Amino acid sequence: MNYKTTVIALSVHEENENPIFGETVTHVKINDEAAGPFVELSQNGETLEVGEVRFDFDEFDVVVAAVKQLNEGWPLDEK
């Protein structure tokens, strides 16, 4: 049996924040509900409403780069 590694999630956060549950963390993830892969963004801030995400302008560019990185690593036969 052959194994491979596929990165499906990245955390974007300030350097001094915990990448799992920090206040400034944005989780960028590839998800698939049987209709093909899509990008899922989530944040854990206490001040956020359900379904709301917030980005500083500098952070937005890093989130976009994370999405591109995940897309480039996704298996071509599953896109």
Protein backbone atom coordinates (compact mmCIF):
# COMPACT_ATOMS: atom_id res chain seq x y z
CA MET A 1 0.00 0.00 0.00
CA ASN A 2 1.31 3.48 -0.90
CA TYR A 3 0.72 6.56 1.25
CA LYS A 4 0.92 10.25 0.45
CA THR A 5 0.52 13.47 2.40
CA THR A 6 -1.95 16.18 1.41
CA VAL A 7 -2.18 19.41 3.38
CA ILE A 8 -5.87 20.28 3.87
CA ALA A 9 -5.68 23.13 6.42
CA LEU A 10 -3.53 26.10 7.36
CA SER A 11 -3.73 28.61 10.22
CA VAL A 12 -3.12 32.30 9.58
CA HIS A 13 -2.37 34.20 12.80
CA GLU A 14 -0.23 36.83 14.44
CA GLU A 15 3.21 35.55 15.43
CA ASN A 16 2.45 35.71 19.16
CA GLU A 17 -0.92 33.90 18.92
CA ASN A 18 -1.69 30.23 19.39
CA PRO A 19 -2.41 28.82 15.89
CA ILE A 20 -5.30 26.68 17.16
CA PHE A 21 -7.44 28.87 19.39
CA GLY A 22 -5.88 32.35 19.33
CA GLU A 23 -8.07 35.42 18.95
CA THR A 24 -6.47 36.40 15.61
CA VAL A 25 -6.51 32.95 14.01
CA THR A 26 -8.14 32.29 10.64
CA HIS A 27 -8.35 28.63 9.69
CA VAL A 28 -8.17 28.07 5.93
CA LYS A 29 -9.33 24.57 5.01
CA ILE A 30 -10.23 22.55 1.95
CA ASN A 31 -13.49 20.72 2.48
CA ASP A 32 -15.50 18.37 0.29
CA GLU A 33 -19.12 17.31 0.71
CA ALA A 34 -19.10 14.91 -2.27
CA ALA A 35 -19.54 17.67 -4.90
CA GLY A 36 -15.86 18.58 -5.16
CA PRO A 37 -13.42 20.57 -3.06
CA PHE A 38 -14.14 24.08 -1.77
CA VAL A 39 -12.47 26.56 0.61
CA GLU A 40 -13.77 26.92 4.15
CA LEU A 41 -12.73 29.85 6.38
CA SER A 42 -13.33 29.97 10.12
CA GLN A 43 -12.39 32.22 13.02
CA ASN A 44 -12.80 31.88 16.79
CA GLY A 45 -13.17 35.49 17.97
CA GLU A 46 -15.57 36.15 20.86
CA THR A 47 -16.81 39.35 19.17
CA LEU A 48 -17.80 37.60 15.92
CA GLU A 49 -21.36 36.83 14.93
CA VAL A 50 -22.10 33.36 13.58
CA GLY A 51 -20.92 33.14 9.97
CA GLU A 52 -18.86 36.34 10.16
CA VAL A 53 -15.16 36.60 9.28
CA ARG A 54 -12.99 39.71 9.67
CA PHE A 55 -9.62 40.48 8.07
CA ASP A 56 -7.10 43.28 8.42
CA PHE A 57 -5.92 44.35 4.96
CA ASP A 58 -2.45 42.86 5.59
CA GLU A 59 -3.99 39.62 6.84
CA PHE A 60 -6.22 39.26 3.77
CA ASP A 61 -3.21 38.87 1.46
CA VAL A 62 -1.85 36.08 3.67
CA VAL A 63 -5.23 34.30 3.68
CA VAL A 64 -5.38 34.49 -0.13
CA ALA A 65 -1.83 33.06 -0.31
CA ALA A 66 -2.91 30.21 2.00
CA VAL A 67 -5.87 29.41 -0.27
CA LYS A 68 -3.55 29.35 -3.30
CA GLN A 69 -1.07 27.11 -1.44
CA LEU A 70 -3.81 24.59 -0.57
CA ASN A 71 -5.15 24.66 -4.14
CA GLU A 72 -1.70 23.97 -5.60
CA GLY A 73 -1.24 20.99 -3.30
CA TRP A 74 -4.65 19.45 -3.96
CA PRO A 75 -4.53 16.33 -6.15
CA LEU A 76 -5.31 17.29 -9.76
CA ASP A 77 -7.57 14.28 -10.28
CA GLU A 78 -9.85 15.50 -7.48
CA LYS A 79 -10.25 19.17 -8.61
